[in-house]
Each structure stands twice: as C-alpha cells, then as structure tokens.
Amino acid sequence: MTLVTAVHGACLLAFIAVLRAPTAQFPGWRVVRPGGMHGSCFVGRWAFATLVSWAWLFVGSARRDAEAQMRWALLLISAFDIASAVSGFLAQLRRRGLRKALRQVGWYPASHIREHMPTQSRRS
C-alpha cells in the first residue's frame, strides 16, 4: 500500500511540475514544445495505473492464484506509475526553451546558441 501511494504521489508531483512549467516565448524562433501525444501518454499511463490500483485495493481476486495475480497487479501499478512520473521530463522540455531559427539552435541559458553549418565537400 505504501509503494502504491508513493508512486501515485510521484505522478501527482510530475503532473503539477508540468502544469507549472512556463512556456518559452522567443519572437522569430520556432520553439519545440511537447505534443499532444506526450500529454496523452502521461495521463493514459497514470489512468491505467489508477484503475489497476483501484482493483488491487478494493476488488481483489477470488481465484486460487489470487496472491500471484495481486503481485502482478502491484508490478503493473509500479511500472506504469514510474513510467508516468518519468514523463515529467515534459516540464523540463518546456523550461529548457529549445528553439531553432534558420541554421541556429538555442536553449536556456541564453548563451547556448549553436550554429549548424552542414559540411560541404569540394570537388576539384
């Protein structure tokens, strides 16, 4: 029960971090942001882990191998919640302000601007 509470708490903290992360604004630059699939994976994994947690805590199993089933359910809860909490990297991506303009790529801090020049081969 403590493990389930801890991993759900980690997901909640990651969700709050994603919501509180500021969106970078840079005029003239294209900013890389997390897409809809990132958010839906984050919420989907957390929702599935919550559903299995509900079954693990309140429903249980009446089969002969109930103990093994509940062990596997705990493993599923842990795996999906940990994967969802790790998805909190979305907040880091939003904070980092990864951006591009023509041949330049930049991110926080502002001094990190790299110029990308493709190598040209000379043929004689």
N, C-alpha and C. Protein backbone atom coordinates (compact mmCIF):
# COMPACT_ATOMS: atom_id res chain seq x y z
N MET A 1 0.82 -1.19 0.00
CA MET A 1 0.00 0.00 0.00
C MET A 1 0.86 1.26 0.00
N THR A 2 1.96 1.23 0.75
CA THR A 2 2.86 2.38 0.81
C THR A 2 3.50 2.63 -0.54
N LEU A 3 3.89 1.56 -1.23
CA LEU A 3 4.51 1.70 -2.56
C LEU A 3 3.53 2.32 -3.54
N VAL A 4 2.30 1.88 -3.52
CA VAL A 4 1.27 2.41 -4.42
C VAL A 4 1.06 3.90 -4.14
N THR A 5 0.98 4.28 -2.89
CA THR A 5 0.82 5.68 -2.52
C THR A 5 2.01 6.51 -2.97
N ALA A 6 3.21 5.97 -2.81
CA ALA A 6 4.43 6.70 -3.19
C ALA A 6 4.49 6.94 -4.70
N VAL A 7 4.20 5.92 -5.50
CA VAL A 7 4.29 6.11 -6.94
C VAL A 7 3.17 7.01 -7.47
N HIS A 8 1.99 6.93 -6.88
CA HIS A 8 0.92 7.86 -7.28
C HIS A 8 1.27 9.29 -6.87
N GLY A 9 1.91 9.44 -5.73
CA GLY A 9 2.37 10.77 -5.29
C GLY A 9 3.41 11.34 -6.23
N ALA A 10 4.32 10.48 -6.72
CA ALA A 10 5.32 10.94 -7.68
C ALA A 10 4.66 11.39 -8.98
N CYS A 11 3.64 10.69 -9.40
CA CYS A 11 2.90 11.09 -10.60
C CYS A 11 2.21 12.43 -10.39
N LEU A 12 1.64 12.62 -9.22
CA LEU A 12 0.97 13.88 -8.92
C LEU A 12 1.96 15.04 -8.94
N LEU A 13 3.15 14.82 -8.36
CA LEU A 13 4.17 15.87 -8.37
C LEU A 13 4.65 16.17 -9.79
N ALA A 14 4.79 15.13 -10.61
CA ALA A 14 5.19 15.35 -12.01
C ALA A 14 4.12 16.11 -12.77
N PHE A 15 2.86 15.80 -12.50
CA PHE A 15 1.75 16.50 -13.16
C PHE A 15 1.73 17.97 -12.77
N ILE A 16 1.95 18.26 -11.50
CA ILE A 16 2.00 19.65 -11.05
C ILE A 16 3.18 20.37 -11.68
N ALA A 17 4.33 19.69 -11.79
CA ALA A 17 5.50 20.31 -12.42
C ALA A 17 5.24 20.64 -13.88
N VAL A 18 4.52 19.76 -14.58
CA VAL A 18 4.19 20.02 -15.98
C VAL A 18 3.26 21.21 -16.09
N LEU A 19 2.27 21.31 -15.23
CA LEU A 19 1.33 22.42 -15.28
C LEU A 19 1.97 23.76 -14.91
N ARG A 20 2.94 23.74 -14.01
CA ARG A 20 3.57 24.98 -13.56
C ARG A 20 4.70 25.44 -14.46
N ALA A 21 5.18 24.60 -15.36
CA ALA A 21 6.31 24.96 -16.21
C ALA A 21 5.92 26.08 -17.17
N PRO A 22 6.72 27.15 -17.21
CA PRO A 22 6.39 28.25 -18.12
C PRO A 22 6.66 27.87 -19.57
N THR A 23 5.87 28.42 -20.46
CA THR A 23 6.07 28.21 -21.88
C THR A 23 7.01 29.30 -22.39
N ALA A 24 8.06 28.88 -23.05
CA ALA A 24 9.05 29.83 -23.56
C ALA A 24 8.50 30.60 -24.74
N GLN A 25 8.81 31.89 -24.79
CA GLN A 25 8.38 32.76 -25.88
C GLN A 25 9.63 33.43 -26.47
N PHE A 26 9.90 33.20 -27.73
CA PHE A 26 11.03 33.81 -28.41
C PHE A 26 10.58 34.29 -29.77
N PRO A 27 10.40 35.59 -29.95
CA PRO A 27 9.98 36.10 -31.26
C PRO A 27 11.01 35.77 -32.34
N GLY A 28 10.55 35.27 -33.46
CA GLY A 28 11.43 34.94 -34.57
C GLY A 28 12.02 33.55 -34.51
N TRP A 29 11.76 32.82 -33.44
CA TRP A 29 12.29 31.46 -33.27
C TRP A 29 11.11 30.49 -33.26
N ARG A 30 11.35 29.29 -33.73
CA ARG A 30 10.36 28.21 -33.60
C ARG A 30 10.72 27.43 -32.35
N VAL A 31 9.80 27.38 -31.40
CA VAL A 31 10.04 26.74 -30.11
C VAL A 31 9.52 25.30 -30.15
N VAL A 32 10.36 24.37 -29.68
CA VAL A 32 9.97 22.96 -29.61
C VAL A 32 9.22 22.75 -28.30
N ARG A 33 8.00 22.24 -28.41
CA ARG A 33 7.17 22.00 -27.24
C ARG A 33 6.69 20.55 -27.25
N PRO A 34 6.32 20.02 -26.09
CA PRO A 34 5.75 18.68 -26.08
C PRO A 34 4.43 18.66 -26.84
N GLY A 35 4.21 17.60 -27.58
CA GLY A 35 2.98 17.48 -28.35
C GLY A 35 1.86 16.84 -27.56
N GLY A 36 0.75 16.67 -28.23
CA GLY A 36 -0.42 16.06 -27.60
C GLY A 36 -0.19 14.62 -27.21
N MET A 37 0.63 13.92 -27.98
CA MET A 37 0.90 12.51 -27.67
C MET A 37 1.68 12.37 -26.37
N HIS A 38 2.57 13.32 -26.08
CA HIS A 38 3.30 13.27 -24.81
C HIS A 38 2.34 13.36 -23.63
N GLY A 39 1.44 14.33 -23.70
CA GLY A 39 0.48 14.50 -22.61
C GLY A 39 -0.49 13.35 -22.47
N SER A 40 -0.96 12.82 -23.62
CA SER A 40 -1.90 11.71 -23.54
C SER A 40 -1.23 10.44 -23.02
N CYS A 41 0.04 10.24 -23.34
CA CYS A 41 0.76 9.08 -22.79
C CYS A 41 0.94 9.24 -21.28
N PHE A 42 1.28 10.45 -20.85
CA PHE A 42 1.45 10.72 -19.43
C PHE A 42 0.16 10.43 -18.67
N VAL A 43 -0.94 11.01 -19.14
CA VAL A 43 -2.22 10.84 -18.45
C VAL A 43 -2.74 9.40 -18.61
N GLY A 44 -2.54 8.80 -19.79
CA GLY A 44 -3.01 7.44 -20.03
C GLY A 44 -2.34 6.41 -19.14
N ARG A 45 -1.02 6.53 -18.98
CA ARG A 45 -0.31 5.60 -18.09
C ARG A 45 -0.77 5.77 -16.65
N TRP A 46 -0.93 7.02 -16.26
CA TRP A 46 -1.36 7.28 -14.88
C TRP A 46 -2.78 6.77 -14.66
N ALA A 47 -3.67 6.96 -15.64
CA ALA A 47 -5.05 6.49 -15.51
C ALA A 47 -5.10 4.96 -15.43
N PHE A 48 -4.30 4.28 -16.26
CA PHE A 48 -4.29 2.82 -16.21
C PHE A 48 -3.78 2.32 -14.86
N ALA A 49 -2.71 2.95 -14.36
CA ALA A 49 -2.19 2.56 -13.05
C ALA A 49 -3.21 2.81 -11.95
N THR A 50 -3.97 3.88 -12.07
CA THR A 50 -5.01 4.18 -11.08
C THR A 50 -6.13 3.14 -11.13
N LEU A 51 -6.51 2.73 -12.33
CA LEU A 51 -7.54 1.69 -12.48
C LEU A 51 -7.08 0.37 -11.86
N VAL A 52 -5.86 -0.03 -12.14
CA VAL A 52 -5.33 -1.28 -11.57
C VAL A 52 -5.19 -1.14 -10.06
N SER A 53 -4.83 0.06 -9.59
CA SER A 53 -4.72 0.30 -8.13
C SER A 53 -6.08 0.13 -7.46
N TRP A 54 -7.11 0.65 -8.10
CA TRP A 54 -8.45 0.51 -7.55
C TRP A 54 -8.83 -0.97 -7.45
N ALA A 55 -8.55 -1.72 -8.51
CA ALA A 55 -8.86 -3.15 -8.48
C ALA A 55 -8.02 -3.87 -7.42
N TRP A 56 -6.76 -3.47 -7.28
CA TRP A 56 -5.86 -4.11 -6.32
C TRP A 56 -6.31 -3.82 -4.89
N LEU A 57 -6.75 -2.58 -4.63
CA LEU A 57 -7.11 -2.20 -3.27
C LEU A 57 -8.51 -2.64 -2.86
N PHE A 58 -9.48 -2.53 -3.77
CA PHE A 58 -10.88 -2.71 -3.37
C PHE A 58 -11.55 -3.97 -3.92
N VAL A 59 -11.09 -4.50 -5.04
CA VAL A 59 -11.77 -5.64 -5.66
C VAL A 59 -11.07 -6.94 -5.30
N GLY A 60 -9.78 -7.01 -5.59
CA GLY A 60 -9.03 -8.23 -5.30
C GLY A 60 -9.36 -9.34 -6.27
N SER A 61 -9.12 -10.57 -5.86
CA SER A 61 -9.38 -11.72 -6.71
C SER A 61 -9.85 -12.88 -5.85
N ALA A 62 -10.78 -13.67 -6.38
CA ALA A 62 -11.31 -14.82 -5.65
C ALA A 62 -10.76 -16.13 -6.21
N ARG A 63 -9.85 -16.04 -7.16
CA ARG A 63 -9.30 -17.25 -7.78
C ARG A 63 -8.26 -17.90 -6.87
N ARG A 64 -7.89 -19.14 -7.23
CA ARG A 64 -6.90 -19.87 -6.44
C ARG A 64 -5.54 -19.17 -6.45
N ASP A 65 -5.21 -18.54 -7.58
CA ASP A 65 -3.91 -17.88 -7.71
C ASP A 65 -4.01 -16.38 -7.43
N ALA A 66 -4.88 -16.02 -6.51
CA ALA A 66 -5.13 -14.60 -6.22
C ALA A 66 -3.88 -13.90 -5.73
N GLU A 67 -3.07 -14.58 -4.95
CA GLU A 67 -1.86 -13.95 -4.44
C GLU A 67 -0.90 -13.60 -5.58
N ALA A 68 -0.76 -14.51 -6.52
CA ALA A 68 0.11 -14.23 -7.67
C ALA A 68 -0.48 -13.12 -8.55
N GLN A 69 -1.79 -13.12 -8.72
CA GLN A 69 -2.43 -12.06 -9.51
C GLN A 69 -2.22 -10.69 -8.87
N MET A 70 -2.35 -10.62 -7.57
CA MET A 70 -2.18 -9.34 -6.90
C MET A 70 -0.72 -8.89 -6.93
N ARG A 71 0.20 -9.83 -6.92
CA ARG A 71 1.62 -9.48 -7.07
C ARG A 71 1.87 -8.89 -8.45
N TRP A 72 1.30 -9.48 -9.49
CA TRP A 72 1.44 -8.97 -10.84
C TRP A 72 0.74 -7.62 -10.99
N ALA A 73 -0.39 -7.46 -10.32
CA ALA A 73 -1.08 -6.17 -10.36
C ALA A 73 -0.22 -5.08 -9.72
N LEU A 74 0.43 -5.40 -8.61
CA LEU A 74 1.33 -4.44 -7.97
C LEU A 74 2.50 -4.09 -8.89
N LEU A 75 3.01 -5.08 -9.60
CA LEU A 75 4.09 -4.83 -10.55
C LEU A 75 3.61 -3.91 -11.67
N LEU A 76 2.41 -4.14 -12.18
CA LEU A 76 1.85 -3.27 -13.22
C LEU A 76 1.64 -1.84 -12.72
N ILE A 77 1.11 -1.73 -11.51
CA ILE A 77 0.90 -0.41 -10.93
C ILE A 77 2.22 0.34 -10.83
N SER A 78 3.22 -0.33 -10.30
CA SER A 78 4.53 0.30 -10.13
C SER A 78 5.14 0.69 -11.47
N ALA A 79 5.10 -0.21 -12.43
CA ALA A 79 5.72 0.06 -13.73
C ALA A 79 5.05 1.23 -14.45
N PHE A 80 3.72 1.24 -14.49
CA PHE A 80 3.02 2.31 -15.20
C PHE A 80 3.12 3.64 -14.46
N ASP A 81 3.08 3.62 -13.13
CA ASP A 81 3.23 4.87 -12.39
C ASP A 81 4.63 5.44 -12.50
N ILE A 82 5.64 4.59 -12.43
CA ILE A 82 7.02 5.06 -12.57
C ILE A 82 7.24 5.63 -13.97
N ALA A 83 6.72 4.94 -14.99
CA ALA A 83 6.85 5.45 -16.36
C ALA A 83 6.13 6.78 -16.52
N SER A 84 5.00 6.93 -15.86
CA SER A 84 4.26 8.19 -15.93
C SER A 84 5.01 9.30 -15.20
N ALA A 85 5.58 9.00 -14.06
CA ALA A 85 6.34 10.01 -13.31
C ALA A 85 7.59 10.44 -14.08
N VAL A 86 8.23 9.50 -14.75
CA VAL A 86 9.40 9.83 -15.55
C VAL A 86 9.01 10.74 -16.71
N SER A 87 7.78 10.63 -17.15
CA SER A 87 7.30 11.50 -18.22
C SER A 87 7.23 12.95 -17.79
N GLY A 88 7.50 13.22 -16.54
CA GLY A 88 7.57 14.60 -16.08
C GLY A 88 8.68 15.37 -16.75
N PHE A 89 9.47 14.70 -17.59
CA PHE A 89 10.50 15.40 -18.35
C PHE A 89 9.86 16.43 -19.28
N LEU A 90 8.55 16.35 -19.47
CA LEU A 90 7.84 17.33 -20.28
C LEU A 90 8.04 18.73 -19.70
N ALA A 91 8.03 18.82 -18.39
CA ALA A 91 8.25 20.12 -17.75
C ALA A 91 9.66 20.61 -18.05
N GLN A 92 10.62 19.71 -18.04
CA GLN A 92 12.00 20.09 -18.33
C GLN A 92 12.12 20.57 -19.78
N LEU A 93 11.43 19.92 -20.69
CA LEU A 93 11.48 20.33 -22.10
C LEU A 93 10.86 21.72 -22.27
N ARG A 94 9.79 21.99 -21.56
CA ARG A 94 9.17 23.31 -21.65
C ARG A 94 10.06 24.38 -21.03
N ARG A 95 10.71 24.07 -19.90
CA ARG A 95 11.58 25.04 -19.24
C ARG A 95 12.84 25.32 -20.04
N ARG A 96 13.34 24.30 -20.71
CA ARG A 96 14.60 24.43 -21.44
C ARG A 96 14.49 25.41 -22.60
N GLY A 97 13.33 25.58 -23.17
CA GLY A 97 13.12 26.54 -24.24
C GLY A 97 13.91 26.19 -25.49
N LEU A 98 13.90 24.94 -25.89
CA LEU A 98 14.59 24.52 -27.10
C LEU A 98 13.95 25.21 -28.29
N ARG A 99 14.78 25.87 -29.11
CA ARG A 99 14.25 26.66 -30.22
C ARG A 99 15.21 26.62 -31.40
N LYS A 100 14.68 26.96 -32.57
CA LYS A 100 15.53 26.99 -33.76
C LYS A 100 15.12 28.16 -34.65
N ALA A 101 16.10 28.67 -35.35
CA ALA A 101 15.89 29.74 -36.32
C ALA A 101 16.94 29.57 -37.41
N LEU A 102 16.47 29.31 -38.60
CA LEU A 102 17.34 29.07 -39.75
C LEU A 102 18.40 28.03 -39.43
N ARG A 103 19.65 28.45 -39.27
CA ARG A 103 20.74 27.48 -39.01
C ARG A 103 21.21 27.51 -37.57
N GLN A 104 20.41 28.06 -36.67
CA GLN A 104 20.79 28.15 -35.27
C GLN A 104 19.83 27.36 -34.40
N VAL A 105 20.39 26.77 -33.35
CA VAL A 105 19.61 26.06 -32.35
C VAL A 105 19.98 26.66 -31.00
N GLY A 106 18.98 26.99 -30.19
CA GLY A 106 19.26 27.58 -28.89
C GLY A 106 18.44 26.96 -27.79
N TRP A 107 18.91 27.13 -26.55
CA TRP A 107 18.20 26.65 -25.37
C TRP A 107 18.70 27.43 -24.18
N TYR A 108 18.01 27.33 -23.03
CA TYR A 108 18.44 28.02 -21.82
C TYR A 108 19.70 27.39 -21.30
N PRO A 109 20.60 28.14 -20.74
CA PRO A 109 20.64 29.58 -20.67
C PRO A 109 20.86 30.20 -22.04
N ALA A 110 20.61 31.47 -22.16
CA ALA A 110 20.60 32.14 -23.46
C ALA A 110 21.94 32.06 -24.19
N SER A 111 23.02 31.82 -23.48
CA SER A 111 24.33 31.76 -24.13
C SER A 111 24.50 30.49 -24.96
N HIS A 112 23.61 29.54 -24.80
CA HIS A 112 23.71 28.29 -25.56
C HIS A 112 23.01 28.42 -26.91
N ILE A 113 23.69 29.02 -27.86
CA ILE A 113 23.18 29.09 -29.23
C ILE A 113 24.25 28.50 -30.12
N ARG A 114 23.90 27.49 -30.82
CA ARG A 114 24.85 26.80 -31.71
C ARG A 114 24.45 27.05 -33.15
N GLU A 115 25.45 27.24 -33.98
CA GLU A 115 25.19 27.42 -35.40
C GLU A 115 25.47 26.10 -36.09
N HIS A 116 24.53 25.66 -36.86
CA HIS A 116 24.67 24.40 -37.57
C HIS A 116 25.02 24.70 -39.03
N MET A 117 26.23 24.35 -39.40
CA MET A 117 26.67 24.54 -40.77
C MET A 117 26.96 23.16 -41.37
N PRO A 118 26.20 22.77 -42.36
CA PRO A 118 26.49 21.47 -42.98
C PRO A 118 27.85 21.51 -43.67
N THR A 119 28.55 20.41 -43.55
CA THR A 119 29.86 20.34 -44.20
C THR A 119 29.68 20.27 -45.71
N GLN A 120 30.52 21.00 -46.41
CA GLN A 120 30.46 20.99 -47.87
C GLN A 120 31.72 20.35 -48.39
N SER A 121 31.52 19.42 -49.25
CA SER A 121 32.71 18.78 -49.84
C SER A 121 33.05 19.51 -51.13
N ARG A 122 34.35 19.76 -51.32
CA ARG A 122 34.79 20.44 -52.52
C ARG A 122 35.25 19.40 -53.52
N ARG A 123 34.79 19.56 -54.69
CA ARG A 123 35.22 18.66 -55.75
C ARG A 123 36.04 19.44 -56.76
N SER A 124 37.16 18.92 -57.05
CA SER A 124 38.03 19.63 -57.99
C SER A 124 37.86 19.15 -59.40
